[in-house]
């Protein structure tokens, strides 16, 4: 199973999916992690999340995040905005609220 988890410190899940520093990609097989990689958040601009950069009536999409998330079977999140959630549903990307803030504990739930 391929799982993506937003993180800022590689140990805990980031509070806001779109504003995290990077995404942790894990592939689990038979209960063991067989691959692990970290990808910088392509939606982040400089030191602020994309959502913090836009103001007023400017509408933005999450195309780069949707593309990234489509490479996994499941996105685990702590919190995310409604627009991102809507775009995930439109693109048939599975997501699930985290049961813990600790990434190791989250990963133990999945085979």
PDB file of N, CA and C in Angstrom:
ATOM      1  N   UNK A   1       0.837  -1.180   0.000  1.00  0.00           N
ATOM      2  CA  UNK A   1       0.000   0.000   0.000  1.00  0.00           C
ATOM      3  C   UNK A   1       0.879   1.240   0.000  1.00  0.00           C
ATOM      4  N   UNK A   2       0.563   2.183  -0.854  1.00  0.00           N
ATOM      5  CA  UNK A   2       1.303   3.444  -0.932  1.00  0.00           C
ATOM      6  C   UNK A   2       0.526   4.519  -0.185  1.00  0.00           C
ATOM      7  N   UNK A   3       1.204   5.165   0.772  1.00  0.00           N
ATOM      8  CA  UNK A   3       0.582   6.137   1.670  1.00  0.00           C
ATOM      9  C   UNK A   3       1.377   7.443   1.622  1.00  0.00           C
ATOM     10  N   UNK A   4       0.669   8.566   1.626  1.00  0.00           N
ATOM     11  CA  UNK A   4       1.292   9.894   1.689  1.00  0.00           C
ATOM     12  C   UNK A   4       0.841  10.581   2.979  1.00  0.00           C
ATOM     13  N   UNK A   5       1.807  11.189   3.671  1.00  0.00           N
ATOM     14  CA  UNK A   5       1.512  11.902   4.912  1.00  0.00           C
ATOM     15  C   UNK A   5       2.223  13.258   4.885  1.00  0.00           C
ATOM     16  N   UNK A   6       1.490  14.366   5.054  1.00  0.00           N
ATOM     17  CA  UNK A   6       2.135  15.680   5.124  1.00  0.00           C
ATOM     18  C   UNK A   6       2.902  15.816   6.441  1.00  0.00           C
ATOM     19  N   UNK A   7       4.097  16.396   6.382  1.00  0.00           N
ATOM     20  CA  UNK A   7       4.908  16.534   7.588  1.00  0.00           C
ATOM     21  C   UNK A   7       5.790  17.781   7.516  1.00  0.00           C
ATOM     22  N   UNK A   8       6.179  18.257   8.680  1.00  0.00           N
ATOM     23  CA  UNK A   8       7.141  19.355   8.783  1.00  0.00           C
ATOM     24  C   UNK A   8       8.446  18.889   9.411  1.00  0.00           C
ATOM     25  N   UNK A   9       8.385  17.744  10.105  1.00  0.00           N
ATOM     26  CA  UNK A   9       9.564  17.294  10.847  1.00  0.00           C
ATOM     27  C   UNK A   9       9.914  15.817  10.637  1.00  0.00           C
ATOM     28  N   UNK A  10       9.196  15.148   9.759  1.00  0.00           N
ATOM     29  CA  UNK A  10       9.399  13.737   9.432  1.00  0.00           C
ATOM     30  C   UNK A  10       9.061  12.788  10.580  1.00  0.00           C
ATOM     31  N   UNK A  11       8.474  13.300  11.637  1.00  0.00           N
ATOM     32  CA  UNK A  11       8.074  12.466  12.775  1.00  0.00           C
ATOM     33  C   UNK A  11       6.596  12.584  13.087  1.00  0.00           C
ATOM     34  N   UNK A  12       6.029  13.763  12.826  1.00  0.00           N
ATOM     35  CA  UNK A  12       4.613  13.986  13.110  1.00  0.00           C
ATOM     36  C   UNK A  12       3.910  14.499  11.863  1.00  0.00           C
ATOM     37  N   UNK A  13       2.596  14.308  11.842  1.00  0.00           N
ATOM     38  CA  UNK A  13       1.806  14.775  10.715  1.00  0.00           C
ATOM     39  C   UNK A  13       1.647  16.294  10.820  1.00  0.00           C
ATOM     40  N   UNK A  14       1.716  16.980   9.695  1.00  0.00           N
ATOM     41  CA  UNK A  14       1.549  18.436   9.686  1.00  0.00           C
ATOM     42  C   UNK A  14       0.089  18.787   9.972  1.00  0.00           C
ATOM     43  N   UNK A  15      -0.111  19.886  10.662  1.00  0.00           N
ATOM     44  CA  UNK A  15      -1.456  20.306  11.026  1.00  0.00           C
ATOM     45  C   UNK A  15      -2.274  20.682   9.790  1.00  0.00           C
ATOM     46  N   UNK A  16      -1.678  21.340   8.812  1.00  0.00           N
ATOM     47  CA  UNK A  16      -2.404  21.776   7.609  1.00  0.00           C
ATOM     48  C   UNK A  16      -1.732  21.162   6.385  1.00  0.00           C
ATOM     49  N   UNK A  17      -2.455  20.343   5.672  1.00  0.00           N
ATOM     50  CA  UNK A  17      -1.905  19.596   4.533  1.00  0.00           C
ATOM     51  C   UNK A  17      -1.251  20.494   3.491  1.00  0.00           C
ATOM     52  N   UNK A  18      -1.921  21.534   3.046  1.00  0.00           N
ATOM     53  CA  UNK A  18      -1.405  22.387   1.978  1.00  0.00           C
ATOM     54  C   UNK A  18      -0.229  23.257   2.363  1.00  0.00           C
ATOM     55  N   UNK A  19       0.003  23.409   3.658  1.00  0.00           N
ATOM     56  CA  UNK A  19       1.086  24.285   4.123  1.00  0.00           C
ATOM     57  C   UNK A  19       2.272  23.533   4.710  1.00  0.00           C
ATOM     58  N   UNK A  20       2.291  22.222   4.578  1.00  0.00           N
ATOM     59  CA  UNK A  20       3.398  21.453   5.150  1.00  0.00           C
ATOM     60  C   UNK A  20       4.699  21.701   4.388  1.00  0.00           C
ATOM     61  N   UNK A  21       5.809  21.344   5.011  1.00  0.00           N
ATOM     62  CA  UNK A  21       7.120  21.489   4.372  1.00  0.00           C
ATOM     63  C   UNK A  21       7.329  20.444   3.274  1.00  0.00           C
ATOM     64  N   UNK A  22       6.885  19.214   3.562  1.00  0.00           N
ATOM     65  CA  UNK A  22       7.095  18.118   2.621  1.00  0.00           C
ATOM     66  C   UNK A  22       6.070  17.022   2.842  1.00  0.00           C
ATOM     67  N   UNK A  23       6.084  16.063   1.922  1.00  0.00           N
ATOM     68  CA  UNK A  23       5.202  14.913   2.023  1.00  0.00           C
ATOM     69  C   UNK A  23       6.048  13.660   2.155  1.00  0.00           C
ATOM     70  N   UNK A  24       5.673  12.833   3.109  1.00  0.00           N
ATOM     71  CA  UNK A  24       6.348  11.548   3.311  1.00  0.00           C
ATOM     72  C   UNK A  24       5.582  10.503   2.512  1.00  0.00           C
ATOM     73  N   UNK A  25       6.308   9.764   1.673  1.00  0.00           N
ATOM     74  CA  UNK A  25       5.732   8.678   0.882  1.00  0.00           C
ATOM     75  C   UNK A  25       6.228   7.371   1.464  1.00  0.00           C
ATOM     76  N   UNK A  26       5.299   6.509   1.799  1.00  0.00           N
ATOM     77  CA  UNK A  26       5.650   5.192   2.333  1.00  0.00           C
ATOM     78  C   UNK A  26       4.979   4.131   1.480  1.00  0.00           C
ATOM     79  N   UNK A  27       5.707   3.068   1.244  1.00  0.00           N
ATOM     80  CA  UNK A  27       5.100   1.897   0.624  1.00  0.00           C
ATOM     81  C   UNK A  27       5.250   0.755   1.606  1.00  0.00           C
ATOM     82  N   UNK A  28       4.105   0.185   1.970  1.00  0.00           N
ATOM     83  CA  UNK A  28       4.106  -0.921   2.927  1.00  0.00           C
ATOM     84  C   UNK A  28       3.662  -2.195   2.219  1.00  0.00           C
ATOM     85  N   UNK A  29       4.294  -3.270   2.616  1.00  0.00           N
ATOM     86  CA  UNK A  29       3.948  -4.579   2.079  1.00  0.00           C
ATOM     87  C   UNK A  29       4.099  -5.592   3.203  1.00  0.00           C
ATOM     88  N   UNK A  30       3.081  -6.389   3.408  1.00  0.00           N
ATOM     89  CA  UNK A  30       3.098  -7.381   4.491  1.00  0.00           C
ATOM     90  C   UNK A  30       3.448  -6.760   5.845  1.00  0.00           C
ATOM     91  N   UNK A  31       2.925  -5.556   6.086  1.00  0.00           N
ATOM     92  CA  UNK A  31       3.128  -4.900   7.368  1.00  0.00           C
ATOM     93  C   UNK A  31       4.467  -4.200   7.543  1.00  0.00           C
ATOM     94  N   UNK A  32       5.317  -4.228   6.524  1.00  0.00           N
ATOM     95  CA  UNK A  32       6.649  -3.605   6.640  1.00  0.00           C
ATOM     96  C   UNK A  32       6.796  -2.468   5.626  1.00  0.00           C
ATOM     97  N   UNK A  33       7.532  -1.450   6.034  1.00  0.00           N
ATOM     98  CA  UNK A  33       7.831  -0.347   5.117  1.00  0.00           C
ATOM     99  C   UNK A  33       8.917  -0.827   4.170  1.00  0.00           C
ATOM    100  N   UNK A  34       8.616  -0.815   2.864  1.00  0.00           N
ATOM    101  CA  UNK A  34       9.622  -1.254   1.899  1.00  0.00           C
ATOM    102  C   UNK A  34      10.283  -0.077   1.183  1.00  0.00           C
ATOM    103  N   UNK A  35       9.590   1.061   1.110  1.00  0.00           N
ATOM    104  CA  UNK A  35      10.214   2.275   0.588  1.00  0.00           C
ATOM    105  C   UNK A  35       9.701   3.474   1.380  1.00  0.00           C
ATOM    106  N   UNK A  36      10.586   4.477   1.482  1.00  0.00           N
ATOM    107  CA  UNK A  36      10.249   5.728   2.174  1.00  0.00           C
ATOM    108  C   UNK A  36      10.962   6.841   1.427  1.00  0.00           C
ATOM    109  N   UNK A  37      10.231   7.926   1.133  1.00  0.00           N
ATOM    110  CA  UNK A  37      10.821   9.075   0.448  1.00  0.00           C
ATOM    111  C   UNK A  37      10.127  10.339   0.948  1.00  0.00           C
ATOM    112  N   UNK A  38      10.830  11.459   0.834  1.00  0.00           N
ATOM    113  CA  UNK A  38      10.274  12.741   1.233  1.00  0.00           C
ATOM    114  C   UNK A  38      10.356  13.691   0.040  1.00  0.00           C
ATOM    115  N   UNK A  39       9.227  14.312  -0.285  1.00  0.00           N
ATOM    116  CA  UNK A  39       9.132  15.222  -1.424  1.00  0.00           C
ATOM    117  C   UNK A  39       8.707  16.593  -0.904  1.00  0.00           C
ATOM    118  N   UNK A  40       9.456  17.634  -1.296  1.00  0.00           N
ATOM    119  CA  UNK A  40       9.084  18.998  -0.901  1.00  0.00           C
ATOM    120  C   UNK A  40       7.690  19.319  -1.420  1.00  0.00           C
ATOM    121  N   UNK A  41       6.959  20.089  -0.660  1.00  0.00           N
ATOM    122  CA  UNK A  41       5.605  20.480  -1.022  1.00  0.00           C
ATOM    123  C   UNK A  41       5.655  21.390  -2.257  1.00  0.00           C
ATOM    124  N   UNK A  42       5.146  20.936  -3.408  1.00  0.00           N
ATOM    125  CA  UNK A  42       5.192  21.759  -4.622  1.00  0.00           C
ATOM    126  C   UNK A  42       4.202  22.918  -4.582  1.00  0.00           C
ATOM    127  N   UNK A  43       3.310  22.919  -3.633  1.00  0.00           N
ATOM    128  CA  UNK A  43       2.271  23.938  -3.520  1.00  0.00           C
ATOM    129  C   UNK A  43       2.702  25.093  -2.632  1.00  0.00           C
ATOM    130  N   UNK A  44       3.844  24.952  -1.995  1.00  0.00           N
ATOM    131  CA  UNK A  44       4.334  25.938  -1.034  1.00  0.00           C
ATOM    132  C   UNK A  44       5.206  26.975  -1.743  1.00  0.00           C
ATOM    133  N   UNK A  45       4.991  28.233  -1.406  1.00  0.00           N
ATOM    134  CA  UNK A  45       5.781  29.330  -1.971  1.00  0.00           C
ATOM    135  C   UNK A  45       6.649  29.928  -0.873  1.00  0.00           C
ATOM    136  N   UNK A  46       7.943  29.895  -1.052  1.00  0.00           N
ATOM    137  CA  UNK A  46       8.871  30.449  -0.065  1.00  0.00           C
ATOM    138  C   UNK A  46       8.618  29.862   1.321  1.00  0.00           C
ATOM    139  N   UNK A  47       8.370  30.718   2.316  1.00  0.00           N
ATOM    140  CA  UNK A  47       8.178  30.225   3.676  1.00  0.00           C
ATOM    141  C   UNK A  47       6.713  30.136   4.082  1.00  0.00           C
ATOM    142  N   UNK A  48       5.810  30.446   3.153  1.00  0.00           N
ATOM    143  CA  UNK A  48       4.396  30.410   3.488  1.00  0.00           C
ATOM    144  C   UNK A  48       3.685  29.429   2.581  1.00  0.00           C
ATOM    145  N   UNK A  49       2.588  28.880   3.044  1.00  0.00           N
ATOM    146  CA  UNK A  49       1.777  28.002   2.205  1.00  0.00           C
ATOM    147  C   UNK A  49       1.104  28.810   1.124  1.00  0.00           C
ATOM    148  N   UNK A  50       0.691  28.150   0.084  1.00  0.00           N
ATOM    149  CA  UNK A  50       0.045  28.819  -1.036  1.00  0.00           C
ATOM    150  C   UNK A  50      -1.163  29.620  -0.565  1.00  0.00           C
ATOM    151  N   UNK A  51      -1.956  29.045   0.299  1.00  0.00           N
ATOM    152  CA  UNK A  51      -3.167  29.710   0.740  1.00  0.00           C
ATOM    153  C   UNK A  51      -2.860  31.027   1.444  1.00  0.00           C
ATOM    154  N   UNK A  52      -1.716  31.115   2.087  1.00  0.00           N
ATOM    155  CA  UNK A  52      -1.322  32.348   2.761  1.00  0.00           C
ATOM    156  C   UNK A  52      -0.868  33.403   1.752  1.00  0.00           C
ATOM    157  N   UNK A  53      -0.483  32.986   0.571  1.00  0.00           N
ATOM    158  CA  UNK A  53       0.008  33.902  -0.448  1.00  0.00           C
ATOM    159  C   UNK A  53      -1.116  34.588  -1.212  1.00  0.00           C
ATOM    160  N   UNK A  54      -2.248  33.946  -1.331  1.00  0.00           N
ATOM    161  CA  UNK A  54      -3.343  34.471  -2.130  1.00  0.00           C
ATOM    162  C   UNK A  54      -4.336  35.195  -1.239  1.00  0.00           C
ATOM    163  N   UNK A  55      -4.879  36.268  -1.763  1.00  0.00           N
ATOM    164  CA  UNK A  55      -5.855  37.006  -0.973  1.00  0.00           C
ATOM    165  C   UNK A  55      -6.973  37.492  -1.877  1.00  0.00           C
ATOM    166  N   UNK A  56      -7.958  38.085  -1.278  1.00  0.00           N
ATOM    167  CA  UNK A  56      -9.063  38.639  -2.036  1.00  0.00           C
ATOM    168  C   UNK A  56      -9.848  37.574  -2.773  1.00  0.00           C
ATOM    169  N   UNK A  57     -10.196  37.875  -4.023  1.00  0.00           N
ATOM    170  CA  UNK A  57     -11.035  36.974  -4.793  1.00  0.00           C
ATOM    171  C   UNK A  57     -10.238  36.006  -5.633  1.00  0.00           C
ATOM    172  N   UNK A  58      -8.947  36.050  -5.548  1.00  0.00           N
ATOM    173  CA  UNK A  58      -8.117  35.141  -6.345  1.00  0.00           C
ATOM    174  C   UNK A  58      -8.412  33.700  -5.952  1.00  0.00           C
ATOM    175  N   UNK A  59      -8.802  32.908  -6.920  1.00  0.00           N
ATOM    176  CA  UNK A  59      -9.050  31.495  -6.676  1.00  0.00           C
ATOM    177  C   UNK A  59      -7.858  30.703  -7.184  1.00  0.00           C
ATOM    178  N   UNK A  60      -7.441  29.750  -6.441  1.00  0.00           N
ATOM    179  CA  UNK A  60      -6.335  28.912  -6.876  1.00  0.00           C
ATOM    180  C   UNK A  60      -6.766  27.466  -6.825  1.00  0.00           C
ATOM    181  N   UNK A  61      -6.022  26.640  -7.531  1.00  0.00           N
ATOM    182  CA  UNK A  61      -6.332  25.224  -7.472  1.00  0.00           C
ATOM    183  C   UNK A  61      -5.161  24.492  -6.840  1.00  0.00           C
ATOM    184  N   UNK A  62      -5.309  23.244  -6.713  1.00  0.00           N
ATOM    185  CA  UNK A  62      -4.302  22.415  -6.067  1.00  0.00           C
ATOM    186  C   UNK A  62      -3.790  21.369  -7.042  1.00  0.00           C
ATOM    187  N   UNK A  63      -3.671  21.764  -8.295  1.00  0.00           N
ATOM    188  CA  UNK A  63      -3.295  20.835  -9.356  1.00  0.00           C
ATOM    189  C   UNK A  63      -2.032  20.046  -9.020  1.00  0.00           C
ATOM    190  N   UNK A  64      -0.997  20.741  -8.539  1.00  0.00           N
ATOM    191  CA  UNK A  64       0.258  20.051  -8.246  1.00  0.00           C
ATOM    192  C   UNK A  64       0.121  19.072  -7.087  1.00  0.00           C
ATOM    193  N   UNK A  65      -0.723  19.393  -6.117  1.00  0.00           N
ATOM    194  CA  UNK A  65      -0.949  18.465  -5.008  1.00  0.00           C
ATOM    195  C   UNK A  65      -1.764  17.257  -5.464  1.00  0.00           C
ATOM    196  N   UNK A  66      -2.804  17.505  -6.241  1.00  0.00           N
ATOM    197  CA  UNK A  66      -3.631  16.408  -6.750  1.00  0.00           C
ATOM    198  C   UNK A  66      -2.780  15.449  -7.575  1.00  0.00           C
ATOM    199  N   UNK A  67      -1.916  15.999  -8.400  1.00  0.00           N
ATOM    200  CA  UNK A  67      -1.026  15.162  -9.212  1.00  0.00           C
ATOM    201  C   UNK A  67      -0.102  14.321  -8.318  1.00  0.00           C
ATOM    202  N   UNK A  68       0.450  14.930  -7.310  1.00  0.00           N
ATOM    203  CA  UNK A  68       1.337  14.228  -6.383  1.00  0.00           C
ATOM    204  C   UNK A  68       0.576  13.137  -5.616  1.00  0.00           C
ATOM    205  N   UNK A  69      -0.594  13.476  -5.100  1.00  0.00           N
ATOM    206  CA  UNK A  69      -1.379  12.526  -4.312  1.00  0.00           C
ATOM    207  C   UNK A  69      -1.888  11.353  -5.146  1.00  0.00           C
ATOM    208  N   UNK A  70      -2.056  11.569  -6.432  1.00  0.00           N
ATOM    209  CA  UNK A  70      -2.553  10.488  -7.292  1.00  0.00           C
ATOM    210  C   UNK A  70      -1.547   9.345  -7.424  1.00  0.00           C
ATOM    211  N   UNK A  71      -0.324   9.556  -6.972  1.00  0.00           N
ATOM    212  CA  UNK A  71       0.717   8.524  -7.046  1.00  0.00           C
ATOM    213  C   UNK A  71       0.640   7.533  -5.887  1.00  0.00           C
ATOM    214  N   UNK A  72      -0.290   7.763  -4.970  1.00  0.00           N
ATOM    215  CA  UNK A  72      -0.440   6.875  -3.818  1.00  0.00           C
ATOM    216  C   UNK A  72      -1.875   6.368  -3.747  1.00  0.00           C
ATOM    217  N   UNK A  73      -2.067   5.395  -2.900  1.00  0.00           N
ATOM    218  CA  UNK A  73      -3.406   4.843  -2.710  1.00  0.00           C
ATOM    219  C   UNK A  73      -4.196   5.587  -1.643  1.00  0.00           C
ATOM    220  N   UNK A  74      -3.461   6.266  -0.731  1.00  0.00           N
ATOM    221  CA  UNK A  74      -4.145   6.914   0.376  1.00  0.00           C
ATOM    222  C   UNK A  74      -3.343   8.103   0.882  1.00  0.00           C
ATOM    223  N   UNK A  75      -4.037   9.205   1.094  1.00  0.00           N
ATOM    224  CA  UNK A  75      -3.476  10.390   1.741  1.00  0.00           C
ATOM    225  C   UNK A  75      -4.004  10.409   3.173  1.00  0.00           C
ATOM    226  N   UNK A  76      -3.107  10.476   4.134  1.00  0.00           N
ATOM    227  CA  UNK A  76      -3.494  10.630   5.538  1.00  0.00           C
ATOM    228  C   UNK A  76      -3.322  12.109   5.873  1.00  0.00           C
ATOM    229  N   UNK A  77      -4.311  12.712   6.489  1.00  0.00           N
ATOM    230  CA  UNK A  77      -4.238  14.136   6.801  1.00  0.00           C
ATOM    231  C   UNK A  77      -4.688  14.406   8.228  1.00  0.00           C
ATOM    232  N   UNK A  78      -4.290  15.552   8.742  1.00  0.00           N
ATOM    233  CA  UNK A  78      -4.766  16.016  10.049  1.00  0.00           C
ATOM    234  C   UNK A  78      -5.871  17.044   9.823  1.00  0.00           C
ATOM    235  N   UNK A  79      -5.583  18.025   8.927  1.00  0.00           N
ATOM    236  CA  UNK A  79      -6.577  19.030   8.546  1.00  0.00           C
ATOM    237  C   UNK A  79      -6.267  19.498   7.139  1.00  0.00           C
ATOM    238  N   UNK A  80      -7.316  19.842   6.410  1.00  0.00           N
ATOM    239  CA  UNK A  80      -7.137  20.393   5.063  1.00  0.00           C
ATOM    240  C   UNK A  80      -8.344  21.252   4.728  1.00  0.00           C
ATOM    241  N   UNK A  81      -8.129  22.161   3.806  1.00  0.00           N
ATOM    242  CA  UNK A  81      -9.195  23.060   3.391  1.00  0.00           C
ATOM    243  C   UNK A  81     -10.253  22.370   2.544  1.00  0.00           C
ATOM    244  N   UNK A  82     -11.429  22.960   2.502  1.00  0.00           N
ATOM    245  CA  UNK A  82     -12.541  22.396   1.754  1.00  0.00           C
ATOM    246  C   UNK A  82     -12.227  22.301   0.268  1.00  0.00           C
ATOM    247  N   UNK A  83     -11.566  23.302  -0.301  1.00  0.00           N
ATOM    248  CA  UNK A  83     -11.264  23.263  -1.736  1.00  0.00           C
ATOM    249  C   UNK A  83     -10.368  22.089  -2.077  1.00  0.00           C
ATOM    250  N   UNK A  84      -9.360  21.833  -1.270  1.00  0.00           N
ATOM    251  CA  UNK A  84      -8.485  20.690  -1.529  1.00  0.00           C
ATOM    252  C   UNK A  84      -9.276  19.397  -1.400  1.00  0.00           C
ATOM    253  N   UNK A  85     -10.091  19.297  -0.376  1.00  0.00           N
ATOM    254  CA  UNK A  85     -10.909  18.091  -0.177  1.00  0.00           C
ATOM    255  C   UNK A  85     -11.824  17.868  -1.387  1.00  0.00           C
ATOM    256  N   UNK A  86     -12.434  18.938  -1.880  1.00  0.00           N
ATOM    257  CA  UNK A  86     -13.299  18.831  -3.062  1.00  0.00           C
ATOM    258  C   UNK A  86     -12.518  18.346  -4.282  1.00  0.00           C
ATOM    259  N   UNK A  87     -11.309  18.882  -4.470  1.00  0.00           N
ATOM    260  CA  UNK A  87     -10.498  18.473  -5.623  1.00  0.00           C
ATOM    261  C   UNK A  87     -10.046  17.022  -5.502  1.00  0.00           C
ATOM    262  N   UNK A  88      -9.775  16.555  -4.295  1.00  0.00           N
ATOM    263  CA  UNK A  88      -9.419  15.150  -4.100  1.00  0.00           C
ATOM    264  C   UNK A  88     -10.591  14.259  -4.489  1.00  0.00           C
ATOM    265  N   UNK A  89     -11.786  14.632  -4.065  1.00  0.00           N
ATOM    266  CA  UNK A  89     -12.971  13.845  -4.400  1.00  0.00           C
ATOM    267  C   UNK A  89     -13.234  13.854  -5.899  1.00  0.00           C
ATOM    268  N   UNK A  90     -13.093  15.018  -6.533  1.00  0.00           N
ATOM    269  CA  UNK A  90     -13.295  15.111  -7.990  1.00  0.00           C
ATOM    270  C   UNK A  90     -12.324  14.224  -8.755  1.00  0.00           C
ATOM    271  N   UNK A  91     -11.140  14.021  -8.199  1.00  0.00           N
ATOM    272  CA  UNK A  91     -10.108  13.222  -8.860  1.00  0.00           C
ATOM    273  C   UNK A  91     -10.001  11.800  -8.293  1.00  0.00           C
ATOM    274  N   UNK A  92     -10.973  11.409  -7.478  1.00  0.00           N
ATOM    275  CA  UNK A  92     -11.059  10.048  -6.932  1.00  0.00           C
ATOM    276  C   UNK A  92      -9.800   9.643  -6.176  1.00  0.00           C
ATOM    277  N   UNK A  93      -9.298  10.574  -5.354  1.00  0.00           N
ATOM    278  CA  UNK A  93      -8.128  10.305  -4.525  1.00  0.00           C
ATOM    279  C   UNK A  93      -8.611  10.021  -3.108  1.00  0.00           C
ATOM    280  N   UNK A  94      -8.235   8.875  -2.589  1.00  0.00           N
ATOM    281  CA  UNK A  94      -8.668   8.464  -1.253  1.00  0.00           C
ATOM    282  C   UNK A  94      -7.883   9.217  -0.184  1.00  0.00           C
ATOM    283  N   UNK A  95      -8.592   9.631   0.844  1.00  0.00           N
ATOM    284  CA  UNK A  95      -7.953  10.304   1.968  1.00  0.00           C
ATOM    285  C   UNK A  95      -8.633   9.878   3.257  1.00  0.00           C
ATOM    286  N   UNK A  96      -7.889   9.995   4.346  1.00  0.00           N
ATOM    287  CA  UNK A  96      -8.397   9.563   5.648  1.00  0.00           C
ATOM    288  C   UNK A  96      -7.794  10.434   6.734  1.00  0.00           C
ATOM    289  N   UNK A  97      -8.616  10.811   7.704  1.00  0.00           N
ATOM    290  CA  UNK A  97      -8.142  11.606   8.841  1.00  0.00           C
ATOM    291  C   UNK A  97      -7.222  10.759   9.712  1.00  0.00           C
ATOM    292  N   UNK A  98      -6.135  11.335  10.151  1.00  0.00           N
ATOM    293  CA  UNK A  98      -5.159  10.636  10.989  1.00  0.00           C
ATOM    294  C   UNK A  98      -5.750  10.327  12.359  1.00  0.00           C
ATOM    295  N   UNK A  99      -5.399   9.173  12.879  1.00  0.00           N
ATOM    296  CA  UNK A  99      -5.850   8.771  14.208  1.00  0.00           C
ATOM    297  C   UNK A  99      -4.848   9.167  15.288  1.00  0.00           C
ATOM    298  N   UNK A 100      -3.683   9.650  14.845  1.00  0.00           N
ATOM    299  CA  UNK A 100      -2.606  10.039  15.756  1.00  0.00           C
ATOM    300  C   UNK A 100      -1.813  11.147  15.077  1.00  0.00           C
ATOM    301  N   UNK A 101      -1.001  11.857  15.830  1.00  0.00           N
ATOM    302  CA  UNK A 101      -0.110  12.845  15.218  1.00  0.00           C
ATOM    303  C   UNK A 101       1.250  12.227  14.899  1.00  0.00           C
ATOM    304  N   UNK A 102       1.546  11.093  15.505  1.00  0.00           N
ATOM    305  CA  UNK A 102       2.826  10.415  15.318  1.00  0.00           C
ATOM    306  C   UNK A 102       2.791   9.545  14.063  1.00  0.00           C
ATOM    307  N   UNK A 103       3.700   9.787  13.128  1.00  0.00           N
ATOM    308  CA  UNK A 103       3.709   9.055  11.865  1.00  0.00           C
ATOM    309  C   UNK A 103       3.913   7.564  12.068  1.00  0.00           C
ATOM    310  N   UNK A 104       4.797   7.174  12.980  1.00  0.00           N
ATOM    311  CA  UNK A 104       5.026   5.743  13.235  1.00  0.00           C
ATOM    312  C   UNK A 104       3.731   5.053  13.674  1.00  0.00           C
ATOM    313  N   UNK A 105       2.985   5.707  14.540  1.00  0.00           N
ATOM    314  CA  UNK A 105       1.716   5.139  15.006  1.00  0.00           C
ATOM    315  C   UNK A 105       0.702   5.057  13.874  1.00  0.00           C
ATOM    316  N   UNK A 106       0.658   6.072  13.036  1.00  0.00           N
ATOM    317  CA  UNK A 106      -0.258   6.070  11.892  1.00  0.00           C
ATOM    318  C   UNK A 106       0.056   4.894  10.977  1.00  0.00           C
ATOM    319  N   UNK A 107       1.329   4.693  10.664  1.00  0.00           N
ATOM    320  CA  UNK A 107       1.729   3.650   9.733  1.00  0.00           C
ATOM    321  C   UNK A 107       1.439   2.249  10.264  1.00  0.00           C
ATOM    322  N   UNK A 108       1.409   2.084  11.564  1.00  0.00           N
ATOM    323  CA  UNK A 108       1.135   0.768  12.148  1.00  0.00           C
ATOM    324  C   UNK A 108      -0.279   0.282  11.838  1.00  0.00           C
ATOM    325  N   UNK A 109      -1.160   1.189  11.484  1.00  0.00           N
ATOM    326  CA  UNK A 109      -2.546   0.832  11.187  1.00  0.00           C
ATOM    327  C   UNK A 109      -2.725   0.174   9.824  1.00  0.00           C
ATOM    328  N   UNK A 110      -1.731   0.284   8.967  1.00  0.00           N
ATOM    329  CA  UNK A 110      -1.878  -0.169   7.583  1.00  0.00           C
ATOM    330  C   UNK A 110      -0.923  -1.303   7.259  1.00  0.00           C
ATOM    331  N   UNK A 111      -1.431  -2.277   6.532  1.00  0.00           N
ATOM    332  CA  UNK A 111      -0.614  -3.408   6.101  1.00  0.00           C
ATOM    333  C   UNK A 111      -0.017  -3.044   4.779  1.00  0.00           C
TER     334      UNK A 111
END
